[in-house]
Amino acid sequence: MLKYFFLSLLLFGCNKDMLDIEDKSNGGVWYEPKSRSSWHIDSSYSPTSKNVELYVVELFLTNPESRVEKIGSDETKVICKMSAGAYDVEIERNFQIEDHPYPEIAVGKIRDDNRTYWVDINSDEVQIIMRERIKIASNIGCDGVLFTEVSSWKDDTGFEITEDDQISYNRFLSGKAHENNVFAGFSDVEDQIYSHTLFADLIFSNNCYQDENCIKYEDFSKIGAVLNLEYVPDGTNIDLNQICLYSKAYGIETRIFDGTQILNPMEECSE
């Protein structure tokens, strides 16, 4: 109940647009990540066990069933990361996720990585695909889903996507996650953070220290977990301890990678 007390304080006097606080109600079915939860992230094909509260892995990798079962302790909650706004050609081809591909009309412009394409989040077909992927996550034992590429309203996607469209879509994703008894996390939604307090269970940030926007997550950290991944290449003149102290001041749990690839060794912020 304390969680919803804080939530009401955050929203008092704010425009609630088309959202309803009932999005965050929980009958005790899905796990609710707590603020300042310890965590780890691994996008390799063979994540190693680590004694943390939250463990983030890629949803679509080889033999996901055994991966989810063997990660961490009995108390570790596994978060399966999946793109909800982009189409990754390599993943779709290698893992044969669906029997049918995204419809051509719902595939937009190619992104800077020359491998992924934006998809039309207003498309019924795209939403059907997302519904099925959330079911996959639930069926293989994921405790939560981390949705990425969920700020396409700010990008040149090839589609007309408004801020309200994005909120409606992200709320849809959260609702489907909860229907399947998994919690919903969203990546890099700092510009819509107040709306997400109504339906998100977890927020994930990339480089909030270097982008100087950690403060935007402070209010959400009072009602849920905020995780930040800071990319610090070897030789970069950045005080790692300063990053940790700065992020913790805003209720954010930060992990630091020493390179631009997620597989590089990780430096953890000390307590």
C-alpha atoms as a PDB file:
ATOM      1  CA  MET A   1       0.000   0.000   0.000  1.00  0.00           C
ATOM      2  CA  LEU A   2       2.929   2.350   0.654  1.00  0.00           C
ATOM      3  CA  LYS A   3       3.803   2.020  -3.014  1.00  0.00           C
ATOM      4  CA  TYR A   4       0.440   3.426  -4.058  1.00  0.00           C
ATOM      5  CA  PHE A   5       0.653   6.184  -1.463  1.00  0.00           C
ATOM      6  CA  PHE A   6       3.843   7.414  -3.119  1.00  0.00           C
ATOM      7  CA  LEU A   7       2.219   6.998  -6.501  1.00  0.00           C
ATOM      8  CA  SER A   8      -0.708   9.221  -5.518  1.00  0.00           C
ATOM      9  CA  LEU A   9       1.724  11.866  -4.279  1.00  0.00           C
ATOM     10  CA  LEU A  10       3.611  11.804  -7.568  1.00  0.00           C
ATOM     11  CA  LEU A  11       0.448  12.213  -9.597  1.00  0.00           C
ATOM     12  CA  PHE A  12      -1.368  14.778  -7.454  1.00  0.00           C
ATOM     13  CA  GLY A  13      -2.083  17.769  -9.579  1.00  0.00           C
ATOM     14  CA  CYS A  14      -0.746  16.101 -12.757  1.00  0.00           C
ATOM     15  CA  ASN A  15      -2.680  15.502 -15.948  1.00  0.00           C
ATOM     16  CA  LYS A  16      -3.446  11.767 -15.957  1.00  0.00           C
ATOM     17  CA  ASP A  17      -4.364  11.894 -19.679  1.00  0.00           C
ATOM     18  CA  MET A  18      -6.062   8.630 -20.663  1.00  0.00           C
ATOM     19  CA  LEU A  19      -4.419   6.472 -17.997  1.00  0.00           C
ATOM     20  CA  ASP A  20      -5.932   4.880 -14.917  1.00  0.00           C
ATOM     21  CA  ILE A  21      -4.195   4.063 -11.662  1.00  0.00           C
ATOM     22  CA  GLU A  22      -5.764   0.589 -11.776  1.00  0.00           C
ATOM     23  CA  ASP A  23      -3.034  -0.386 -14.246  1.00  0.00           C
ATOM     24  CA  LYS A  24      -0.703  -0.779 -11.257  1.00  0.00           C
ATOM     25  CA  SER A  25      -3.061  -2.837  -9.097  1.00  0.00           C
ATOM     26  CA  ASN A  26      -1.715  -6.280  -8.296  1.00  0.00           C
ATOM     27  CA  GLY A  27      -3.560  -9.172  -6.758  1.00  0.00           C
ATOM     28  CA  GLY A  28      -0.212 -10.647  -5.765  1.00  0.00           C
ATOM     29  CA  VAL A  29       0.201 -12.651  -8.990  1.00  0.00           C
ATOM     30  CA  TRP A  30       3.239 -11.042 -10.595  1.00  0.00           C
ATOM     31  CA  TYR A  31       6.393 -10.060  -8.745  1.00  0.00           C
ATOM     32  CA  GLU A  32       6.910  -6.357  -8.068  1.00  0.00           C
ATOM     33  CA  PRO A  33      10.610  -5.354  -8.265  1.00  0.00           C
ATOM     34  CA  LYS A  34      11.673  -3.308  -5.285  1.00  0.00           C
ATOM     35  CA  SER A  35      13.620  -0.080  -5.327  1.00  0.00           C
ATOM     36  CA  ARG A  36      17.407  -0.529  -5.037  1.00  0.00           C
ATOM     37  CA  SER A  37      17.266  -4.193  -6.052  1.00  0.00           C
ATOM     38  CA  SER A  38      20.607  -5.833  -6.799  1.00  0.00           C
ATOM     39  CA  TRP A  39      20.890  -6.931 -10.414  1.00  0.00           C
ATOM     40  CA  HIS A  40      23.011  -8.328 -13.209  1.00  0.00           C
ATOM     41  CA  ILE A  41      22.701  -8.410 -17.006  1.00  0.00           C
ATOM     42  CA  ASP A  42      24.051 -10.957 -19.475  1.00  0.00           C
ATOM     43  CA  SER A  43      23.349 -11.230 -23.199  1.00  0.00           C
ATOM     44  CA  SER A  44      25.579 -14.238 -23.794  1.00  0.00           C
ATOM     45  CA  TYR A  45      24.328 -17.659 -24.860  1.00  0.00           C
ATOM     46  CA  SER A  46      25.283 -19.130 -21.486  1.00  0.00           C
ATOM     47  CA  PRO A  47      24.546 -16.702 -18.645  1.00  0.00           C
ATOM     48  CA  THR A  48      26.325 -17.620 -15.428  1.00  0.00           C
ATOM     49  CA  SER A  49      24.595 -17.949 -12.097  1.00  0.00           C
ATOM     50  CA  LYS A  50      24.859 -14.879  -9.869  1.00  0.00           C
ATOM     51  CA  ASN A  51      23.329 -14.233  -6.465  1.00  0.00           C
ATOM     52  CA  VAL A  52      21.286 -11.131  -7.240  1.00  0.00           C
ATOM     53  CA  GLU A  53      17.638 -10.156  -6.944  1.00  0.00           C
ATOM     54  CA  LEU A  54      17.139  -9.389 -10.644  1.00  0.00           C
ATOM     55  CA  TYR A  55      18.916 -10.998 -13.620  1.00  0.00           C
ATOM     56  CA  VAL A  56      18.386  -9.589 -17.125  1.00  0.00           C
ATOM     57  CA  VAL A  57      18.833 -11.915 -20.140  1.00  0.00           C
ATOM     58  CA  GLU A  58      17.840 -11.887 -23.795  1.00  0.00           C
ATOM     59  CA  LEU A  59      14.495 -13.560 -24.451  1.00  0.00           C
ATOM     60  CA  PHE A  60      15.462 -15.183 -27.744  1.00  0.00           C
ATOM     61  CA  LEU A  61      18.632 -17.204 -27.368  1.00  0.00           C
ATOM     62  CA  THR A  62      19.445 -20.881 -27.805  1.00  0.00           C
ATOM     63  CA  ASN A  63      17.536 -23.227 -25.480  1.00  0.00           C
ATOM     64  CA  PRO A  64      15.861 -20.524 -23.382  1.00  0.00           C
ATOM     65  CA  GLU A  65      14.046 -23.015 -21.150  1.00  0.00           C
ATOM     66  CA  SER A  66      17.218 -24.340 -19.531  1.00  0.00           C
ATOM     67  CA  ARG A  67      18.687 -20.841 -19.376  1.00  0.00           C
ATOM     68  CA  VAL A  68      15.847 -19.481 -17.253  1.00  0.00           C
ATOM     69  CA  GLU A  69      15.796 -22.491 -14.927  1.00  0.00           C
ATOM     70  CA  LYS A  70      19.511 -22.363 -14.056  1.00  0.00           C
ATOM     71  CA  ILE A  71      20.064 -18.647 -13.473  1.00  0.00           C
ATOM     72  CA  GLY A  72      20.746 -17.421  -9.955  1.00  0.00           C
ATOM     73  CA  SER A  73      19.271 -18.609  -6.687  1.00  0.00           C
ATOM     74  CA  ASP A  74      15.677 -19.517  -5.975  1.00  0.00           C
ATOM     75  CA  GLU A  75      15.096 -15.883  -5.010  1.00  0.00           C
ATOM     76  CA  THR A  76      16.523 -14.479  -8.260  1.00  0.00           C
ATOM     77  CA  LYS A  77      13.888 -13.035 -10.596  1.00  0.00           C
ATOM     78  CA  VAL A  78      14.694 -13.380 -14.290  1.00  0.00           C
ATOM     79  CA  ILE A  79      13.875 -10.488 -16.612  1.00  0.00           C
ATOM     80  CA  CYS A  80      13.712 -11.390 -20.294  1.00  0.00           C
ATOM     81  CA  LYS A  81      14.621  -8.517 -22.595  1.00  0.00           C
ATOM     82  CA  MET A  82      12.828  -8.121 -25.929  1.00  0.00           C
ATOM     83  CA  SER A  83      12.423  -5.401 -28.522  1.00  0.00           C
ATOM     84  CA  ALA A  84       8.857  -4.153 -28.744  1.00  0.00           C
ATOM     85  CA  GLY A  85       9.436  -1.441 -31.322  1.00  0.00           C
ATOM     86  CA  ALA A  86      11.958  -2.812 -33.772  1.00  0.00           C
ATOM     87  CA  TYR A  87      12.453  -5.822 -36.022  1.00  0.00           C
ATOM     88  CA  ASP A  88      15.855  -7.529 -35.786  1.00  0.00           C
ATOM     89  CA  VAL A  89      16.543  -9.388 -39.012  1.00  0.00           C
ATOM     90  CA  GLU A  90      19.231 -11.620 -37.518  1.00  0.00           C
ATOM     91  CA  ILE A  91      17.172 -12.696 -34.526  1.00  0.00           C
ATOM     92  CA  GLU A  92      14.101 -13.366 -36.644  1.00  0.00           C
ATOM     93  CA  ARG A  93      16.112 -15.478 -39.076  1.00  0.00           C
ATOM     94  CA  ASN A  94      18.274 -17.378 -36.603  1.00  0.00           C
ATOM     95  CA  PHE A  95      15.651 -18.216 -34.023  1.00  0.00           C
ATOM     96  CA  GLN A  96      12.557 -18.554 -36.226  1.00  0.00           C
ATOM     97  CA  ILE A  97      10.425 -16.881 -33.632  1.00  0.00           C
ATOM     98  CA  GLU A  98       7.157 -16.881 -35.546  1.00  0.00           C
ATOM     99  CA  ASP A  99       5.688 -18.963 -38.315  1.00  0.00           C
ATOM    100  CA  HIS A 100       4.953 -15.692 -40.093  1.00  0.00           C
ATOM    101  CA  PRO A 101       7.107 -12.549 -40.345  1.00  0.00           C
ATOM    102  CA  TYR A 102       6.080  -9.000 -39.648  1.00  0.00           C
ATOM    103  CA  PRO A 103       3.777  -7.794 -42.429  1.00  0.00           C
ATOM    104  CA  GLU A 104       5.680  -5.610 -44.889  1.00  0.00           C
ATOM    105  CA  ILE A 105       3.323  -2.695 -44.319  1.00  0.00           C
ATOM    106  CA  ALA A 106       4.270  -2.662 -40.621  1.00  0.00           C
ATOM    107  CA  VAL A 107       8.064  -2.543 -41.186  1.00  0.00           C
ATOM    108  CA  GLY A 108       9.507   0.960 -41.337  1.00  0.00           C
ATOM    109  CA  LYS A 109      12.889   2.590 -41.765  1.00  0.00           C
ATOM    110  CA  ILE A 110      16.172   0.847 -41.039  1.00  0.00           C
ATOM    111  CA  ARG A 111      18.044   1.939 -37.935  1.00  0.00           C
ATOM    112  CA  ASP A 112      21.666   3.044 -37.615  1.00  0.00           C
ATOM    113  CA  ASP A 113      22.872  -0.498 -36.923  1.00  0.00           C
ATOM    114  CA  ASN A 114      21.825  -1.507 -40.477  1.00  0.00           C
ATOM    115  CA  ARG A 115      20.215  -4.637 -39.057  1.00  0.00           C
ATOM    116  CA  THR A 116      17.044  -3.612 -37.291  1.00  0.00           C
ATOM    117  CA  TYR A 117      13.967  -1.877 -38.629  1.00  0.00           C
ATOM    118  CA  TRP A 118      11.352   0.148 -36.828  1.00  0.00           C
ATOM    119  CA  VAL A 119       7.884  -1.389 -36.709  1.00  0.00           C
ATOM    120  CA  ASP A 120       4.504   0.303 -36.610  1.00  0.00           C
ATOM    121  CA  ILE A 121       3.368   0.107 -32.997  1.00  0.00           C
ATOM    122  CA  ASN A 122      -0.159   1.103 -34.059  1.00  0.00           C
ATOM    123  CA  SER A 123      -0.439  -2.011 -36.238  1.00  0.00           C
ATOM    124  CA  ASP A 124      -2.809  -4.739 -35.038  1.00  0.00           C
ATOM    125  CA  GLU A 125      -0.446  -7.352 -36.487  1.00  0.00           C
ATOM    126  CA  VAL A 126       2.506  -6.001 -34.502  1.00  0.00           C
ATOM    127  CA  GLN A 127       0.469  -6.051 -31.321  1.00  0.00           C
ATOM    128  CA  ILE A 128      -0.537  -9.670 -31.969  1.00  0.00           C
ATOM    129  CA  ILE A 129       3.153 -10.588 -32.342  1.00  0.00           C
ATOM    130  CA  MET A 130       3.998  -8.808 -29.082  1.00  0.00           C
ATOM    131  CA  ARG A 131       1.178 -10.643 -27.310  1.00  0.00           C
ATOM    132  CA  GLU A 132       2.603 -13.981 -28.441  1.00  0.00           C
ATOM    133  CA  ARG A 133       6.147 -13.079 -27.407  1.00  0.00           C
ATOM    134  CA  ILE A 134       4.999 -12.084 -23.951  1.00  0.00           C
ATOM    135  CA  LYS A 135       3.301 -15.490 -23.681  1.00  0.00           C
ATOM    136  CA  ILE A 136       6.582 -17.147 -24.687  1.00  0.00           C
ATOM    137  CA  ALA A 137       8.373 -15.256 -21.905  1.00  0.00           C
ATOM    138  CA  SER A 138       5.815 -16.373 -19.361  1.00  0.00           C
ATOM    139  CA  ASN A 139       5.811 -19.983 -20.566  1.00  0.00           C
ATOM    140  CA  ILE A 140       9.602 -20.390 -20.298  1.00  0.00           C
ATOM    141  CA  GLY A 141       9.663 -19.072 -16.753  1.00  0.00           C
ATOM    142  CA  CYS A 142      10.581 -15.404 -17.068  1.00  0.00           C
ATOM    143  CA  ASP A 143       9.422 -13.407 -14.048  1.00  0.00           C
ATOM    144  CA  GLY A 144       9.389 -10.148 -15.968  1.00  0.00           C
ATOM    145  CA  VAL A 145       9.825  -8.702 -19.447  1.00  0.00           C
ATOM    146  CA  LEU A 146      11.998  -5.689 -20.262  1.00  0.00           C
ATOM    147  CA  PHE A 147      10.626  -3.929 -23.337  1.00  0.00           C
ATOM    148  CA  THR A 148      13.183  -2.020 -25.419  1.00  0.00           C
ATOM    149  CA  GLU A 149      12.760   0.383 -28.350  1.00  0.00           C
ATOM    150  CA  VAL A 150       9.634   1.787 -26.707  1.00  0.00           C
ATOM    151  CA  SER A 151      10.251   5.478 -27.404  1.00  0.00           C
ATOM    152  CA  SER A 152       9.788   5.389 -31.156  1.00  0.00           C
ATOM    153  CA  TRP A 153       7.620   8.519 -31.036  1.00  0.00           C
ATOM    154  CA  LYS A 154      10.909  10.457 -30.845  1.00  0.00           C
ATOM    155  CA  ASP A 155      12.516   8.727 -33.838  1.00  0.00           C
ATOM    156  CA  ASP A 156      12.212   8.834 -37.620  1.00  0.00           C
ATOM    157  CA  THR A 157      10.505   5.463 -37.957  1.00  0.00           C
ATOM    158  CA  GLY A 158       8.637   5.951 -41.216  1.00  0.00           C
ATOM    159  CA  PHE A 159       5.331   6.027 -39.353  1.00  0.00           C
ATOM    160  CA  GLU A 160       3.300   8.768 -37.723  1.00  0.00           C
ATOM    161  CA  ILE A 161       3.602   7.900 -34.048  1.00  0.00           C
ATOM    162  CA  THR A 162       2.547  10.415 -31.417  1.00  0.00           C
ATOM    163  CA  GLU A 163       3.400  10.619 -27.734  1.00  0.00           C
ATOM    164  CA  ASP A 164      -0.113   9.410 -26.915  1.00  0.00           C
ATOM    165  CA  ASP A 165       0.303   6.488 -29.334  1.00  0.00           C
ATOM    166  CA  GLN A 166       3.456   5.467 -27.493  1.00  0.00           C
ATOM    167  CA  ILE A 167       1.816   5.649 -24.074  1.00  0.00           C
ATOM    168  CA  SER A 168      -1.160   3.614 -25.300  1.00  0.00           C
ATOM    169  CA  TYR A 169       1.160   0.985 -26.782  1.00  0.00           C
ATOM    170  CA  ASN A 170       3.380   0.747 -23.709  1.00  0.00           C
ATOM    171  CA  ARG A 171       0.321   0.498 -21.513  1.00  0.00           C
ATOM    172  CA  PHE A 172      -0.919  -2.314 -23.774  1.00  0.00           C
ATOM    173  CA  LEU A 173       2.407  -4.148 -23.334  1.00  0.00           C
ATOM    174  CA  SER A 174       2.227  -3.797 -19.571  1.00  0.00           C
ATOM    175  CA  GLY A 175      -1.347  -5.062 -19.505  1.00  0.00           C
ATOM    176  CA  LYS A 176      -0.477  -8.144 -21.545  1.00  0.00           C
ATOM    177  CA  ALA A 177       2.528  -8.835 -19.311  1.00  0.00           C
ATOM    178  CA  HIS A 178       0.345  -8.682 -16.217  1.00  0.00           C
ATOM    179  CA  GLU A 179      -2.266 -10.907 -17.846  1.00  0.00           C
ATOM    180  CA  ASN A 180       0.517 -13.484 -18.214  1.00  0.00           C
ATOM    181  CA  ASN A 181       1.681 -13.032 -14.606  1.00  0.00           C
ATOM    182  CA  VAL A 182       4.979 -11.323 -15.419  1.00  0.00           C
ATOM    183  CA  PHE A 183       6.022  -7.803 -14.487  1.00  0.00           C
ATOM    184  CA  ALA A 184       6.674  -5.099 -17.074  1.00  0.00           C
ATOM    185  CA  GLY A 185       9.887  -3.094 -17.438  1.00  0.00           C
ATOM    186  CA  PHE A 186      10.557  -0.330 -19.952  1.00  0.00           C
ATOM    187  CA  SER A 187      13.861   0.956 -21.277  1.00  0.00           C
ATOM    188  CA  ASP A 188      14.808   4.620 -21.811  1.00  0.00           C
ATOM    189  CA  VAL A 189      11.413   6.253 -21.291  1.00  0.00           C
ATOM    190  CA  GLU A 190      12.701   9.193 -19.274  1.00  0.00           C
ATOM    191  CA  ASP A 191      10.684  11.679 -21.318  1.00  0.00           C
ATOM    192  CA  GLN A 192       7.433   9.905 -20.430  1.00  0.00           C
ATOM    193  CA  ILE A 193       8.351   8.767 -16.958  1.00  0.00           C
ATOM    194  CA  TYR A 194       5.311  10.165 -15.151  1.00  0.00           C
ATOM    195  CA  SER A 195       2.887   8.277 -17.382  1.00  0.00           C
ATOM    196  CA  HIS A 196       4.873   5.085 -16.808  1.00  0.00           C
ATOM    197  CA  THR A 197       4.460   5.345 -13.044  1.00  0.00           C
ATOM    198  CA  LEU A 198       0.887   4.262 -13.688  1.00  0.00           C
ATOM    199  CA  PHE A 199       1.610   0.931 -15.343  1.00  0.00           C
ATOM    200  CA  ALA A 200       5.354   0.085 -15.327  1.00  0.00           C
ATOM    201  CA  ASP A 201       6.934  -2.090 -12.638  1.00  0.00           C
ATOM    202  CA  LEU A 202      10.560  -1.368 -13.527  1.00  0.00           C
ATOM    203  CA  ILE A 203      12.506   1.223 -15.506  1.00  0.00           C
ATOM    204  CA  PHE A 204      15.812   0.604 -17.274  1.00  0.00           C
ATOM    205  CA  SER A 205      18.191   3.373 -18.301  1.00  0.00           C
ATOM    206  CA  ASN A 206      21.317   3.475 -20.436  1.00  0.00           C
ATOM    207  CA  ASN A 207      24.007   6.008 -19.490  1.00  0.00           C
ATOM    208  CA  CYS A 208      21.864   8.267 -17.318  1.00  0.00           C
ATOM    209  CA  TYR A 209      25.021   9.574 -15.611  1.00  0.00           C
ATOM    210  CA  GLN A 210      26.794  10.536 -18.820  1.00  0.00           C
ATOM    211  CA  ASP A 211      23.547  11.808 -20.356  1.00  0.00           C
ATOM    212  CA  GLU A 212      22.900  13.825 -17.194  1.00  0.00           C
ATOM    213  CA  ASN A 213      19.295  12.695 -16.807  1.00  0.00           C
ATOM    214  CA  CYS A 214      19.374  10.400 -13.760  1.00  0.00           C
ATOM    215  CA  ILE A 215      17.285  12.951 -11.889  1.00  0.00           C
ATOM    216  CA  LYS A 216      14.324  12.164 -14.160  1.00  0.00           C
ATOM    217  CA  TYR A 217      14.092   8.696 -12.606  1.00  0.00           C
ATOM    218  CA  GLU A 218      14.160   9.802  -8.963  1.00  0.00           C
ATOM    219  CA  ASP A 219      10.393   9.823  -8.422  1.00  0.00           C
ATOM    220  CA  PHE A 220       9.878   6.412 -10.011  1.00  0.00           C
ATOM    221  CA  SER A 221      12.599   4.957  -7.761  1.00  0.00           C
ATOM    222  CA  LYS A 222      10.304   5.661  -4.795  1.00  0.00           C
ATOM    223  CA  ILE A 223       7.713   3.175  -6.079  1.00  0.00           C
ATOM    224  CA  GLY A 224       9.742   0.677  -8.140  1.00  0.00           C
ATOM    225  CA  ALA A 225      13.140  -0.453  -9.349  1.00  0.00           C
ATOM    226  CA  VAL A 226      15.273   1.749 -11.596  1.00  0.00           C
ATOM    227  CA  LEU A 227      18.273   0.028 -13.184  1.00  0.00           C
ATOM    228  CA  ASN A 228      20.977   1.903 -15.077  1.00  0.00           C
ATOM    229  CA  LEU A 229      23.650   0.462 -17.348  1.00  0.00           C
ATOM    230  CA  GLU A 230      26.599   2.794 -17.814  1.00  0.00           C
ATOM    231  CA  TYR A 231      28.999   2.142 -20.704  1.00  0.00           C
ATOM    232  CA  VAL A 232      32.515   3.235 -19.799  1.00  0.00           C
ATOM    233  CA  PRO A 233      35.206   2.089 -22.274  1.00  0.00           C
ATOM    234  CA  ASP A 234      38.698   1.285 -20.999  1.00  0.00           C
ATOM    235  CA  GLY A 235      40.801   4.396 -20.737  1.00  0.00           C
ATOM    236  CA  THR A 236      37.841   6.731 -20.301  1.00  0.00           C
ATOM    237  CA  ASN A 237      38.580   9.420 -17.749  1.00  0.00           C
ATOM    238  CA  ILE A 238      35.475   8.907 -15.621  1.00  0.00           C
ATOM    239  CA  ASP A 239      35.445   8.285 -11.871  1.00  0.00           C
ATOM    240  CA  LEU A 240      33.484   5.030 -11.505  1.00  0.00           C
ATOM    241  CA  ASN A 241      32.851   5.631  -7.830  1.00  0.00           C
ATOM    242  CA  GLN A 242      31.366   9.019  -8.680  1.00  0.00           C
ATOM    243  CA  ILE A 243      28.934   7.353 -11.080  1.00  0.00           C
ATOM    244  CA  CYS A 244      27.803   4.991  -8.337  1.00  0.00           C
ATOM    245  CA  LEU A 245      27.373   7.713  -5.737  1.00  0.00           C
ATOM    246  CA  TYR A 246      25.524   9.960  -8.174  1.00  0.00           C
ATOM    247  CA  SER A 247      23.066   7.308  -9.305  1.00  0.00           C
ATOM    248  CA  LYS A 248      22.411   6.020  -5.787  1.00  0.00           C
ATOM    249  CA  ALA A 249      21.508   9.569  -4.730  1.00  0.00           C
ATOM    250  CA  TYR A 250      18.532   9.283  -7.094  1.00  0.00           C
ATOM    251  CA  GLY A 251      17.565   5.766  -5.991  1.00  0.00           C
ATOM    252  CA  ILE A 252      19.103   4.129  -9.074  1.00  0.00           C
ATOM    253  CA  GLU A 253      21.081   0.887  -9.076  1.00  0.00           C
ATOM    254  CA  THR A 254      23.878   1.219 -11.650  1.00  0.00           C
ATOM    255  CA  ARG A 255      26.111  -1.379 -13.240  1.00  0.00           C
ATOM    256  CA  ILE A 256      29.137  -0.361 -15.297  1.00  0.00           C
ATOM    257  CA  PHE A 257      30.546  -2.067 -18.385  1.00  0.00           C
ATOM    258  CA  ASP A 258      34.100  -1.306 -19.445  1.00  0.00           C
ATOM    259  CA  GLY A 259      33.304  -1.284 -23.145  1.00  0.00           C
ATOM    260  CA  THR A 260      30.669  -0.691 -25.760  1.00  0.00           C
ATOM    261  CA  GLN A 261      29.700  -4.372 -25.990  1.00  0.00           C
ATOM    262  CA  ILE A 262      27.401  -5.913 -23.439  1.00  0.00           C
ATOM    263  CA  LEU A 263      29.563  -9.045 -23.223  1.00  0.00           C
ATOM    264  CA  ASN A 264      32.528  -7.134 -21.782  1.00  0.00           C
ATOM    265  CA  PRO A 265      33.391  -7.607 -18.102  1.00  0.00           C
ATOM    266  CA  MET A 266      31.189  -5.762 -15.666  1.00  0.00           C
ATOM    267  CA  GLU A 267      32.182  -3.497 -12.816  1.00  0.00           C
ATOM    268  CA  GLU A 268      29.612  -3.371 -10.046  1.00  0.00           C
ATOM    269  CA  CYS A 269      28.930  -0.315  -7.944  1.00  0.00           C
ATOM    270  CA  SER A 270      30.029  -0.953  -4.399  1.00  0.00           C
ATOM    271  CA  GLU A 271      27.596  -0.590  -1.536  1.00  0.00           C
END
